[in-house]
Amino acid sequence: MKDFGDTVLLIKDNPKFLSLIEKALEKKRLKYFHELVQYYDKRIYMGKVDVFNKASEYAYQNEFRIYIRRKSDESLKIHIGSLKDIAEIYPANEFIDTFEATEKNNC
């Protein structure tokens, strides 16, 4: 987690967060799909691989993806409004220290 930056945004209400994203995409009339990424063993898997598949070496990421179908490869900006009621911001080192301490206590 330390490689991703110095700040953590913790979403406390995932359904509400996803709803805000969906509303913003629908407002722009964009077609989208979302789901949890399915992880596969690349040494033995021979099936279809799409944007919702990833090699099992990344399974620790527990990734959720949103795929937006569009013809442009330019950056897409959407405005979802305030996250004040559904998210908290922490300095990454404080969040990681608290997380690691909790993990030690749960072992």
PDB file of N, CA and C in Angstrom:
ATOM      1  N   MET A   1       0.820  -1.193   0.000  1.00  0.00           N
ATOM      2  CA  MET A   1       0.000   0.000   0.000  1.00  0.00           C
ATOM      3  C   MET A   1       0.862   1.255   0.000  1.00  0.00           C
ATOM      4  N   LYS A   2       2.037   1.173   0.575  1.00  0.00           N
ATOM      5  CA  LYS A   2       2.908   2.342   0.656  1.00  0.00           C
ATOM      6  C   LYS A   2       3.338   2.848  -0.719  1.00  0.00           C
ATOM      7  N   ASP A   3       3.300   1.978  -1.723  1.00  0.00           N
ATOM      8  CA  ASP A   3       3.720   2.370  -3.068  1.00  0.00           C
ATOM      9  C   ASP A   3       2.677   3.207  -3.804  1.00  0.00           C
ATOM     10  N   PHE A   4       1.470   3.315  -3.260  1.00  0.00           N
ATOM     11  CA  PHE A   4       0.398   4.010  -3.960  1.00  0.00           C
ATOM     12  C   PHE A   4       0.290   5.491  -3.624  1.00  0.00           C
ATOM     13  N   GLY A   5       1.004   5.967  -2.636  1.00  0.00           N
ATOM     14  CA  GLY A   5       0.949   7.386  -2.314  1.00  0.00           C
ATOM     15  C   GLY A   5       0.985   7.638  -0.818  1.00  0.00           C
ATOM     16  N   ASP A   6       0.830   8.894  -0.427  1.00  0.00           N
ATOM     17  CA  ASP A   6       0.959   9.258   0.979  1.00  0.00           C
ATOM     18  C   ASP A   6      -0.373   9.518   1.670  1.00  0.00           C
ATOM     19  N   THR A   7      -1.485   9.277   0.972  1.00  0.00           N
ATOM     20  CA  THR A   7      -2.807   9.537   1.527  1.00  0.00           C
ATOM     21  C   THR A   7      -3.718   8.350   1.251  1.00  0.00           C
ATOM     22  N   VAL A   8      -4.587   8.039   2.221  1.00  0.00           N
ATOM     23  CA  VAL A   8      -5.569   6.968   2.065  1.00  0.00           C
ATOM     24  C   VAL A   8      -6.961   7.582   2.112  1.00  0.00           C
ATOM     25  N   LEU A   9      -7.774   7.268   1.126  1.00  0.00           N
ATOM     26  CA  LEU A   9      -9.179   7.653   1.135  1.00  0.00           C
ATOM     27  C   LEU A   9      -9.958   6.388   1.451  1.00  0.00           C
ATOM     28  N   LEU A  10     -10.594   6.349   2.602  1.00  0.00           N
ATOM     29  CA  LEU A  10     -11.336   5.184   3.045  1.00  0.00           C
ATOM     30  C   LEU A  10     -12.820   5.421   2.788  1.00  0.00           C
ATOM     31  N   ILE A  11     -13.393   4.651   1.883  1.00  0.00           N
ATOM     32  CA  ILE A  11     -14.820   4.749   1.577  1.00  0.00           C
ATOM     33  C   ILE A  11     -15.562   3.890   2.591  1.00  0.00           C
ATOM     34  N   LYS A  12     -16.488   4.505   3.328  1.00  0.00           N
ATOM     35  CA  LYS A  12     -17.225   3.799   4.377  1.00  0.00           C
ATOM     36  C   LYS A  12     -18.564   3.255   3.894  1.00  0.00           C
ATOM     37  N   ASP A  13     -19.041   3.725   2.769  1.00  0.00           N
ATOM     38  CA  ASP A  13     -20.328   3.278   2.227  1.00  0.00           C
ATOM     39  C   ASP A  13     -20.150   2.988   0.740  1.00  0.00           C
ATOM     40  N   ASN A  14     -19.685   1.767   0.433  1.00  0.00           N
ATOM     41  CA  ASN A  14     -19.396   1.404  -0.955  1.00  0.00           C
ATOM     42  C   ASN A  14     -20.624   1.467  -1.863  1.00  0.00           C
ATOM     43  N   PRO A  15     -21.796   0.989  -1.431  1.00  0.00           N
ATOM     44  CA  PRO A  15     -22.967   1.105  -2.317  1.00  0.00           C
ATOM     45  C   PRO A  15     -23.298   2.558  -2.675  1.00  0.00           C
ATOM     46  N   LYS A  16     -23.213   3.461  -1.726  1.00  0.00           N
ATOM     47  CA  LYS A  16     -23.481   4.875  -1.992  1.00  0.00           C
ATOM     48  C   LYS A  16     -22.434   5.445  -2.957  1.00  0.00           C
ATOM     49  N   PHE A  17     -21.158   5.103  -2.743  1.00  0.00           N
ATOM     50  CA  PHE A  17     -20.074   5.556  -3.616  1.00  0.00           C
ATOM     51  C   PHE A  17     -20.316   5.090  -5.052  1.00  0.00           C
ATOM     52  N   LEU A  18     -20.648   3.814  -5.216  1.00  0.00           N
ATOM     53  CA  LEU A  18     -20.908   3.276  -6.549  1.00  0.00           C
ATOM     54  C   LEU A  18     -22.129   3.946  -7.168  1.00  0.00           C
ATOM     55  N   SER A  19     -23.136   4.216  -6.375  1.00  0.00           N
ATOM     56  CA  SER A  19     -24.329   4.897  -6.865  1.00  0.00           C
ATOM     57  C   SER A  19     -23.990   6.296  -7.394  1.00  0.00           C
ATOM     58  N   LEU A  20     -23.126   7.016  -6.699  1.00  0.00           N
ATOM     59  CA  LEU A  20     -22.703   8.347  -7.153  1.00  0.00           C
ATOM     60  C   LEU A  20     -21.986   8.261  -8.501  1.00  0.00           C
ATOM     61  N   ILE A  21     -21.135   7.257  -8.640  1.00  0.00           N
ATOM     62  CA  ILE A  21     -20.408   7.059  -9.897  1.00  0.00           C
ATOM     63  C   ILE A  21     -21.388   6.715 -11.015  1.00  0.00           C
ATOM     64  N   GLU A  22     -22.298   5.791 -10.739  1.00  0.00           N
ATOM     65  CA  GLU A  22     -23.280   5.385 -11.757  1.00  0.00           C
ATOM     66  C   GLU A  22     -24.126   6.571 -12.226  1.00  0.00           C
ATOM     67  N   LYS A  23     -24.588   7.376 -11.301  1.00  0.00           N
ATOM     68  CA  LYS A  23     -25.405   8.542 -11.663  1.00  0.00           C
ATOM     69  C   LYS A  23     -24.622   9.511 -12.552  1.00  0.00           C
ATOM     70  N   ALA A  24     -23.359   9.731 -12.226  1.00  0.00           N
ATOM     71  CA  ALA A  24     -22.529  10.634 -13.035  1.00  0.00           C
ATOM     72  C   ALA A  24     -22.303  10.075 -14.437  1.00  0.00           C
ATOM     73  N   LEU A  25     -22.099   8.764 -14.543  1.00  0.00           N
ATOM     74  CA  LEU A  25     -21.898   8.147 -15.854  1.00  0.00           C
ATOM     75  C   LEU A  25     -23.190   8.169 -16.666  1.00  0.00           C
ATOM     76  N   GLU A  26     -24.306   7.911 -16.005  1.00  0.00           N
ATOM     77  CA  GLU A  26     -25.598   7.940 -16.700  1.00  0.00           C
ATOM     78  C   GLU A  26     -25.935   9.355 -17.176  1.00  0.00           C
ATOM     79  N   LYS A  27     -25.564  10.340 -16.378  1.00  0.00           N
ATOM     80  CA  LYS A  27     -25.799  11.731 -16.771  1.00  0.00           C
ATOM     81  C   LYS A  27     -25.061  12.066 -18.070  1.00  0.00           C
ATOM     82  N   LYS A  28     -23.889  11.460 -18.238  1.00  0.00           N
ATOM     83  CA  LYS A  28     -23.107  11.668 -19.469  1.00  0.00           C
ATOM     84  C   LYS A  28     -23.507  10.674 -20.566  1.00  0.00           C
ATOM     85  N   ARG A  29     -24.508   9.852 -20.281  1.00  0.00           N
ATOM     86  CA  ARG A  29     -25.010   8.845 -21.222  1.00  0.00           C
ATOM     87  C   ARG A  29     -23.918   7.857 -21.646  1.00  0.00           C
ATOM     88  N   LEU A  30     -23.112   7.463 -20.686  1.00  0.00           N
ATOM     89  CA  LEU A  30     -22.037   6.511 -20.955  1.00  0.00           C
ATOM     90  C   LEU A  30     -22.476   5.096 -20.570  1.00  0.00           C
ATOM     91  N   LYS A  31     -22.122   4.148 -21.387  1.00  0.00           N
ATOM     92  CA  LYS A  31     -22.415   2.748 -21.106  1.00  0.00           C
ATOM     93  C   LYS A  31     -21.269   2.190 -20.272  1.00  0.00           C
ATOM     94  N   TYR A  32     -21.599   1.486 -19.202  1.00  0.00           N
ATOM     95  CA  TYR A  32     -20.563   0.994 -18.296  1.00  0.00           C
ATOM     96  C   TYR A  32     -20.943  -0.378 -17.740  1.00  0.00           C
ATOM     97  N   PHE A  33     -19.947  -1.063 -17.236  1.00  0.00           N
ATOM     98  CA  PHE A  33     -20.107  -2.360 -16.585  1.00  0.00           C
ATOM     99  C   PHE A  33     -19.194  -2.352 -15.371  1.00  0.00           C
ATOM    100  N   HIS A  34     -19.595  -3.042 -14.319  1.00  0.00           N
ATOM    101  CA  HIS A  34     -18.723  -3.134 -13.149  1.00  0.00           C
ATOM    102  C   HIS A  34     -18.893  -4.486 -12.470  1.00  0.00           C
ATOM    103  N   GLU A  35     -17.810  -4.953 -11.892  1.00  0.00           N
ATOM    104  CA  GLU A  35     -17.833  -6.194 -11.120  1.00  0.00           C
ATOM    105  C   GLU A  35     -16.478  -6.411 -10.457  1.00  0.00           C
ATOM    106  N   LEU A  36     -16.449  -7.368  -9.555  1.00  0.00           N
ATOM    107  CA  LEU A  36     -15.186  -7.763  -8.940  1.00  0.00           C
ATOM    108  C   LEU A  36     -14.325  -8.465  -9.976  1.00  0.00           C
ATOM    109  N   VAL A  37     -13.040  -8.257  -9.912  1.00  0.00           N
ATOM    110  CA  VAL A  37     -12.109  -8.935 -10.811  1.00  0.00           C
ATOM    111  C   VAL A  37     -12.032 -10.410 -10.417  1.00  0.00           C
ATOM    112  N   GLN A  38     -12.036 -11.255 -11.433  1.00  0.00           N
ATOM    113  CA  GLN A  38     -11.863 -12.698 -11.224  1.00  0.00           C
ATOM    114  C   GLN A  38     -10.394 -13.030 -11.487  1.00  0.00           C
ATOM    115  N   TYR A  39      -9.773 -13.733 -10.566  1.00  0.00           N
ATOM    116  CA  TYR A  39      -8.354 -14.056 -10.689  1.00  0.00           C
ATOM    117  C   TYR A  39      -8.192 -15.490 -11.191  1.00  0.00           C
ATOM    118  N   TYR A  40      -7.210 -15.701 -12.043  1.00  0.00           N
ATOM    119  CA  TYR A  40      -6.981 -17.011 -12.640  1.00  0.00           C
ATOM    120  C   TYR A  40      -5.507 -17.383 -12.557  1.00  0.00           C
ATOM    121  N   ASP A  41      -5.243 -18.670 -12.554  1.00  0.00           N
ATOM    122  CA  ASP A  41      -3.882 -19.189 -12.559  1.00  0.00           C
ATOM    123  C   ASP A  41      -3.409 -19.223 -14.008  1.00  0.00           C
ATOM    124  N   LYS A  42      -2.511 -18.327 -14.366  1.00  0.00           N
ATOM    125  CA  LYS A  42      -2.095 -18.201 -15.767  1.00  0.00           C
ATOM    126  C   LYS A  42      -1.298 -19.401 -16.278  1.00  0.00           C
ATOM    127  N   ARG A  43      -0.860 -20.267 -15.371  1.00  0.00           N
ATOM    128  CA  ARG A  43      -0.130 -21.467 -15.806  1.00  0.00           C
ATOM    129  C   ARG A  43      -1.070 -22.528 -16.368  1.00  0.00           C
ATOM    130  N   ILE A  44      -2.348 -22.506 -15.948  1.00  0.00           N
ATOM    131  CA  ILE A  44      -3.257 -23.560 -16.385  1.00  0.00           C
ATOM    132  C   ILE A  44      -4.541 -23.055 -17.047  1.00  0.00           C
ATOM    133  N   TYR A  45      -4.885 -21.791 -16.860  1.00  0.00           N
ATOM    134  CA  TYR A  45      -6.139 -21.279 -17.399  1.00  0.00           C
ATOM    135  C   TYR A  45      -6.042 -21.076 -18.903  1.00  0.00           C
ATOM    136  N   MET A  46      -7.031 -21.569 -19.634  1.00  0.00           N
ATOM    137  CA  MET A  46      -7.030 -21.475 -21.100  1.00  0.00           C
ATOM    138  C   MET A  46      -8.271 -20.742 -21.621  1.00  0.00           C
ATOM    139  N   GLY A  47      -9.067 -20.157 -20.745  1.00  0.00           N
ATOM    140  CA  GLY A  47     -10.318 -19.534 -21.154  1.00  0.00           C
ATOM    141  C   GLY A  47     -10.178 -18.087 -21.573  1.00  0.00           C
ATOM    142  N   LYS A  48     -11.326 -17.471 -21.738  1.00  0.00           N
ATOM    143  CA  LYS A  48     -11.419 -16.070 -22.150  1.00  0.00           C
ATOM    144  C   LYS A  48     -10.895 -15.162 -21.039  1.00  0.00           C
ATOM    145  N   VAL A  49     -10.183 -14.124 -21.430  1.00  0.00           N
ATOM    146  CA  VAL A  49      -9.690 -13.110 -20.490  1.00  0.00           C
ATOM    147  C   VAL A  49     -10.197 -11.763 -20.996  1.00  0.00           C
ATOM    148  N   ASP A  50     -10.841 -11.012 -20.089  1.00  0.00           N
ATOM    149  CA  ASP A  50     -11.310  -9.684 -20.466  1.00  0.00           C
ATOM    150  C   ASP A  50     -10.903  -8.687 -19.376  1.00  0.00           C
ATOM    151  N   VAL A  51     -11.501  -7.513 -19.384  1.00  0.00           N
ATOM    152  CA  VAL A  51     -11.100  -6.463 -18.437  1.00  0.00           C
ATOM    153  C   VAL A  51     -11.424  -6.818 -16.984  1.00  0.00           C
ATOM    154  N   PHE A  52     -12.211  -7.857 -16.774  1.00  0.00           N
ATOM    155  CA  PHE A  52     -12.565  -8.259 -15.413  1.00  0.00           C
ATOM    156  C   PHE A  52     -11.824  -9.516 -14.969  1.00  0.00           C
ATOM    157  N   ASN A  53     -10.732  -9.853 -15.661  1.00  0.00           N
ATOM    158  CA  ASN A  53      -9.885 -10.988 -15.299  1.00  0.00           C
ATOM    159  C   ASN A  53      -8.464 -10.512 -15.074  1.00  0.00           C
ATOM    160  N   LYS A  54      -7.789 -11.189 -14.159  1.00  0.00           N
ATOM    161  CA  LYS A  54      -6.414 -10.813 -13.848  1.00  0.00           C
ATOM    162  C   LYS A  54      -5.693 -12.042 -13.298  1.00  0.00           C
ATOM    163  N   ALA A  55      -4.397 -12.135 -13.521  1.00  0.00           N
ATOM    164  CA  ALA A  55      -3.608 -13.263 -13.039  1.00  0.00           C
ATOM    165  C   ALA A  55      -3.671 -13.355 -11.508  1.00  0.00           C
ATOM    166  N   SER A  56      -3.687 -14.568 -11.004  1.00  0.00           N
ATOM    167  CA  SER A  56      -3.855 -14.817  -9.564  1.00  0.00           C
ATOM    168  C   SER A  56      -2.737 -14.228  -8.713  1.00  0.00           C
ATOM    169  N   GLU A  57      -1.597 -13.902  -9.310  1.00  0.00           N
ATOM    170  CA  GLU A  57      -0.520 -13.290  -8.526  1.00  0.00           C
ATOM    171  C   GLU A  57      -0.934 -11.924  -7.968  1.00  0.00           C
ATOM    172  N   TYR A  58      -2.024 -11.359  -8.508  1.00  0.00           N
ATOM    173  CA  TYR A  58      -2.528 -10.067  -8.032  1.00  0.00           C
ATOM    174  C   TYR A  58      -3.792 -10.205  -7.176  1.00  0.00           C
ATOM    175  N   ALA A  59      -4.129 -11.410  -6.793  1.00  0.00           N
ATOM    176  CA  ALA A  59      -5.374 -11.646  -6.044  1.00  0.00           C
ATOM    177  C   ALA A  59      -5.420 -10.883  -4.720  1.00  0.00           C
ATOM    178  N   TYR A  60      -4.268 -10.589  -4.143  1.00  0.00           N
ATOM    179  CA  TYR A  60      -4.231  -9.836  -2.887  1.00  0.00           C
ATOM    180  C   TYR A  60      -4.848  -8.444  -3.041  1.00  0.00           C
ATOM    181  N   GLN A  61      -4.982  -7.963  -4.267  1.00  0.00           N
ATOM    182  CA  GLN A  61      -5.528  -6.624  -4.508  1.00  0.00           C
ATOM    183  C   GLN A  61      -7.045  -6.564  -4.327  1.00  0.00           C
ATOM    184  N   ASN A  62      -7.728  -7.713  -4.413  1.00  0.00           N
ATOM    185  CA  ASN A  62      -9.189  -7.752  -4.266  1.00  0.00           C
ATOM    186  C   ASN A  62      -9.849  -6.616  -5.043  1.00  0.00           C
ATOM    187  N   GLU A  63      -9.569  -6.560  -6.312  1.00  0.00           N
ATOM    188  CA  GLU A  63      -9.922  -5.409  -7.145  1.00  0.00           C
ATOM    189  C   GLU A  63     -11.367  -5.430  -7.642  1.00  0.00           C
ATOM    190  N   PHE A  64     -11.967  -4.252  -7.665  1.00  0.00           N
ATOM    191  CA  PHE A  64     -13.272  -4.001  -8.257  1.00  0.00           C
ATOM    192  C   PHE A  64     -13.028  -3.030  -9.400  1.00  0.00           C
ATOM    193  N   ARG A  65     -13.606  -3.312 -10.563  1.00  0.00           N
ATOM    194  CA  ARG A  65     -13.362  -2.456 -11.723  1.00  0.00           C
ATOM    195  C   ARG A  65     -14.662  -1.938 -12.315  1.00  0.00           C
ATOM    196  N   ILE A  66     -14.543  -0.763 -12.900  1.00  0.00           N
ATOM    197  CA  ILE A  66     -15.619  -0.194 -13.694  1.00  0.00           C
ATOM    198  C   ILE A  66     -15.064  -0.012 -15.104  1.00  0.00           C
ATOM    199  N   TYR A  67     -15.736  -0.622 -16.061  1.00  0.00           N
ATOM    200  CA  TYR A  67     -15.351  -0.492 -17.464  1.00  0.00           C
ATOM    201  C   TYR A  67     -16.360   0.424 -18.135  1.00  0.00           C
ATOM    202  N   ILE A  68     -15.869   1.460 -18.777  1.00  0.00           N
ATOM    203  CA  ILE A  68     -16.728   2.421 -19.455  1.00  0.00           C
ATOM    204  C   ILE A  68     -16.495   2.288 -20.951  1.00  0.00           C
ATOM    205  N   ARG A  69     -17.540   1.948 -21.675  1.00  0.00           N
ATOM    206  CA  ARG A  69     -17.419   1.770 -23.116  1.00  0.00           C
ATOM    207  C   ARG A  69     -17.500   3.135 -23.794  1.00  0.00           C
ATOM    208  N   ARG A  70     -16.412   3.479 -24.471  1.00  0.00           N
ATOM    209  CA  ARG A  70     -16.378   4.730 -25.211  1.00  0.00           C
ATOM    210  C   ARG A  70     -15.341   4.650 -26.315  1.00  0.00           C
ATOM    211  N   LYS A  71     -15.470   5.507 -27.302  1.00  0.00           N
ATOM    212  CA  LYS A  71     -14.575   5.489 -28.457  1.00  0.00           C
ATOM    213  C   LYS A  71     -13.326   6.316 -28.238  1.00  0.00           C
ATOM    214  N   SER A  72     -13.377   7.276 -27.360  1.00  0.00           N
ATOM    215  CA  SER A  72     -12.250   8.168 -27.128  1.00  0.00           C
ATOM    216  C   SER A  72     -11.257   7.554 -26.142  1.00  0.00           C
ATOM    217  N   ASP A  73      -9.985   7.849 -26.337  1.00  0.00           N
ATOM    218  CA  ASP A  73      -8.991   7.409 -25.363  1.00  0.00           C
ATOM    219  C   ASP A  73      -8.510   8.577 -24.498  1.00  0.00           C
ATOM    220  N   GLU A  74      -9.208   9.710 -24.609  1.00  0.00           N
ATOM    221  CA  GLU A  74      -8.879  10.865 -23.770  1.00  0.00           C
ATOM    222  C   GLU A  74      -9.352  10.613 -22.339  1.00  0.00           C
ATOM    223  N   SER A  75      -8.742  11.311 -21.404  1.00  0.00           N
ATOM    224  CA  SER A  75      -9.134  11.188 -20.007  1.00  0.00           C
ATOM    225  C   SER A  75     -10.607  11.524 -19.837  1.00  0.00           C
ATOM    226  N   LEU A  76     -11.255  10.816 -18.944  1.00  0.00           N
ATOM    227  CA  LEU A  76     -12.657  11.059 -18.655  1.00  0.00           C
ATOM    228  C   LEU A  76     -12.767  11.608 -17.236  1.00  0.00           C
ATOM    229  N   LYS A  77     -13.421  12.735 -17.102  1.00  0.00           N
ATOM    230  CA  LYS A  77     -13.655  13.313 -15.784  1.00  0.00           C
ATOM    231  C   LYS A  77     -15.148  13.290 -15.514  1.00  0.00           C
ATOM    232  N   ILE A  78     -15.494  12.834 -14.327  1.00  0.00           N
ATOM    233  CA  ILE A  78     -16.885  12.880 -13.898  1.00  0.00           C
ATOM    234  C   ILE A  78     -16.931  13.559 -12.535  1.00  0.00           C
ATOM    235  N   HIS A  79     -18.037  14.165 -12.241  1.00  0.00           N
ATOM    236  CA  HIS A  79     -18.207  14.837 -10.955  1.00  0.00           C
ATOM    237  C   HIS A  79     -19.262  14.082 -10.168  1.00  0.00           C
ATOM    238  N   ILE A  80     -18.856  13.540  -9.014  1.00  0.00           N
ATOM    239  CA  ILE A  80     -19.779  12.725  -8.227  1.00  0.00           C
ATOM    240  C   ILE A  80     -20.256  13.438  -6.972  1.00  0.00           C
ATOM    241  N   GLY A  81     -19.787  14.645  -6.744  1.00  0.00           N
ATOM    242  CA  GLY A  81     -20.221  15.391  -5.573  1.00  0.00           C
ATOM    243  C   GLY A  81     -19.349  15.106  -4.359  1.00  0.00           C
ATOM    244  N   SER A  82     -19.798  15.594  -3.242  1.00  0.00           N
ATOM    245  CA  SER A  82     -19.040  15.469  -1.994  1.00  0.00           C
ATOM    246  C   SER A  82     -19.052  14.035  -1.469  1.00  0.00           C
ATOM    247  N   LEU A  83     -17.913  13.643  -0.905  1.00  0.00           N
ATOM    248  CA  LEU A  83     -17.802  12.339  -0.250  1.00  0.00           C
ATOM    249  C   LEU A  83     -17.765  12.483   1.271  1.00  0.00           C
ATOM    250  N   LYS A  84     -18.021  13.664   1.741  1.00  0.00           N
ATOM    251  CA  LYS A  84     -17.891  13.988   3.163  1.00  0.00           C
ATOM    252  C   LYS A  84     -18.645  13.002   4.066  1.00  0.00           C
ATOM    253  N   ASP A  85     -19.834  12.582   3.654  1.00  0.00           N
ATOM    254  CA  ASP A  85     -20.640  11.696   4.494  1.00  0.00           C
ATOM    255  C   ASP A  85     -20.282  10.223   4.373  1.00  0.00           C
ATOM    256  N   ILE A  86     -19.486   9.860   3.366  1.00  0.00           N
ATOM    257  CA  ILE A  86     -19.228   8.434   3.139  1.00  0.00           C
ATOM    258  C   ILE A  86     -17.749   8.070   3.118  1.00  0.00           C
ATOM    259  N   ALA A  87     -16.849   9.020   3.381  1.00  0.00           N
ATOM    260  CA  ALA A  87     -15.422   8.727   3.279  1.00  0.00           C
ATOM    261  C   ALA A  87     -14.626   9.481   4.332  1.00  0.00           C
ATOM    262  N   GLU A  88     -13.434   8.968   4.623  1.00  0.00           N
ATOM    263  CA  GLU A  88     -12.492   9.622   5.530  1.00  0.00           C
ATOM    264  C   GLU A  88     -11.118   9.611   4.878  1.00  0.00           C
ATOM    265  N   ILE A  89     -10.330  10.641   5.146  1.00  0.00           N
ATOM    266  CA  ILE A  89      -8.973  10.755   4.595  1.00  0.00           C
ATOM    267  C   ILE A  89      -7.972  10.617   5.741  1.00  0.00           C
ATOM    268  N   TYR A  90      -6.940   9.806   5.500  1.00  0.00           N
ATOM    269  CA  TYR A  90      -5.885   9.589   6.492  1.00  0.00           C
ATOM    270  C   TYR A  90      -4.523   9.737   5.828  1.00  0.00           C
ATOM    271  N   PRO A  91      -3.527  10.209   6.589  1.00  0.00           N
ATOM    272  CA  PRO A  91      -2.152  10.092   6.084  1.00  0.00           C
ATOM    273  C   PRO A  91      -1.840   8.590   5.987  1.00  0.00           C
ATOM    274  N   ALA A  92      -1.222   8.169   4.911  1.00  0.00           N
ATOM    275  CA  ALA A  92      -0.986   6.736   4.683  1.00  0.00           C
ATOM    276  C   ALA A  92      -0.217   6.083   5.826  1.00  0.00           C
ATOM    277  N   ASN A  93       0.819   6.757   6.337  1.00  0.00           N
ATOM    278  CA  ASN A  93       1.619   6.126   7.398  1.00  0.00           C
ATOM    279  C   ASN A  93       0.782   5.904   8.661  1.00  0.00           C
ATOM    280  N   GLU A  94      -0.116   6.829   8.998  1.00  0.00           N
ATOM    281  CA  GLU A  94      -0.984   6.663  10.164  1.00  0.00           C
ATOM    282  C   GLU A  94      -1.958   5.494   9.948  1.00  0.00           C
ATOM    283  N   PHE A  95      -2.523   5.423   8.763  1.00  0.00           N
ATOM    284  CA  PHE A  95      -3.467   4.360   8.445  1.00  0.00           C
ATOM    285  C   PHE A  95      -2.779   2.995   8.469  1.00  0.00           C
ATOM    286  N   ILE A  96      -1.599   2.907   7.865  1.00  0.00           N
ATOM    287  CA  ILE A  96      -0.856   1.643   7.810  1.00  0.00           C
ATOM    288  C   ILE A  96      -0.443   1.207   9.208  1.00  0.00           C
ATOM    289  N   ASP A  97       0.039   2.125  10.034  1.00  0.00           N
ATOM    290  CA  ASP A  97       0.429   1.789  11.405  1.00  0.00           C
ATOM    291  C   ASP A  97      -0.748   1.241  12.193  1.00  0.00           C
ATOM    292  N   THR A  98      -1.922   1.876  12.065  1.00  0.00           N
ATOM    293  CA  THR A  98      -3.124   1.427  12.764  1.00  0.00           C
ATOM    294  C   THR A  98      -3.558   0.064  12.245  1.00  0.00           C
ATOM    295  N   PHE A  99      -3.523  -0.124  10.926  1.00  0.00           N
ATOM    296  CA  PHE A  99      -3.904  -1.391  10.311  1.00  0.00           C
ATOM    297  C   PHE A  99      -2.991  -2.516  10.783  1.00  0.00           C
ATOM    298  N   GLU A 100      -1.678  -2.275  10.766  1.00  0.00           N
ATOM    299  CA  GLU A 100      -0.718  -3.304  11.173  1.00  0.00           C
ATOM    300  C   GLU A 100      -0.883  -3.655  12.649  1.00  0.00           C
ATOM    301  N   ALA A 101      -1.146  -2.677  13.505  1.00  0.00           N
ATOM    302  CA  ALA A 101      -1.371  -2.936  14.925  1.00  0.00           C
ATOM    303  C   ALA A 101      -2.619  -3.777  15.140  1.00  0.00           C
ATOM    304  N   THR A 102      -3.659  -3.482  14.375  1.00  0.00           N
ATOM    305  CA  THR A 102      -4.907  -4.261  14.461  1.00  0.00           C
ATOM    306  C   THR A 102      -4.677  -5.687  14.007  1.00  0.00           C
ATOM    307  N   GLU A 103      -3.919  -5.860  12.941  1.00  0.00           N
ATOM    308  CA  GLU A 103      -3.615  -7.200  12.432  1.00  0.00           C
ATOM    309  C   GLU A 103      -2.853  -8.016  13.464  1.00  0.00           C
ATOM    310  N   LYS A 104      -1.870  -7.415  14.140  1.00  0.00           N
ATOM    311  CA  LYS A 104      -1.095  -8.108  15.164  1.00  0.00           C
ATOM    312  C   LYS A 104      -1.986  -8.551  16.319  1.00  0.00           C
ATOM    313  N   ASN A 105      -2.924  -7.708  16.707  1.00  0.00           N
ATOM    314  CA  ASN A 105      -3.825  -8.034  17.815  1.00  0.00           C
ATOM    315  C   ASN A 105      -4.821  -9.128  17.453  1.00  0.00           C
ATOM    316  N   ASN A 106      -5.124  -9.277  16.177  1.00  0.00           N
ATOM    317  CA  ASN A 106      -6.083 -10.284  15.740  1.00  0.00           C
ATOM    318  C   ASN A 106      -5.451 -11.635  15.472  1.00  0.00           C
ATOM    319  N   CYS A 107      -4.121 -11.720  15.527  1.00  0.00           N
ATOM    320  CA  CYS A 107      -3.443 -13.002  15.251  1.00  0.00           C
ATOM    321  C   CYS A 107      -3.375 -13.872  16.468  1.00  0.00           C
TER     322      CYS A 107
END
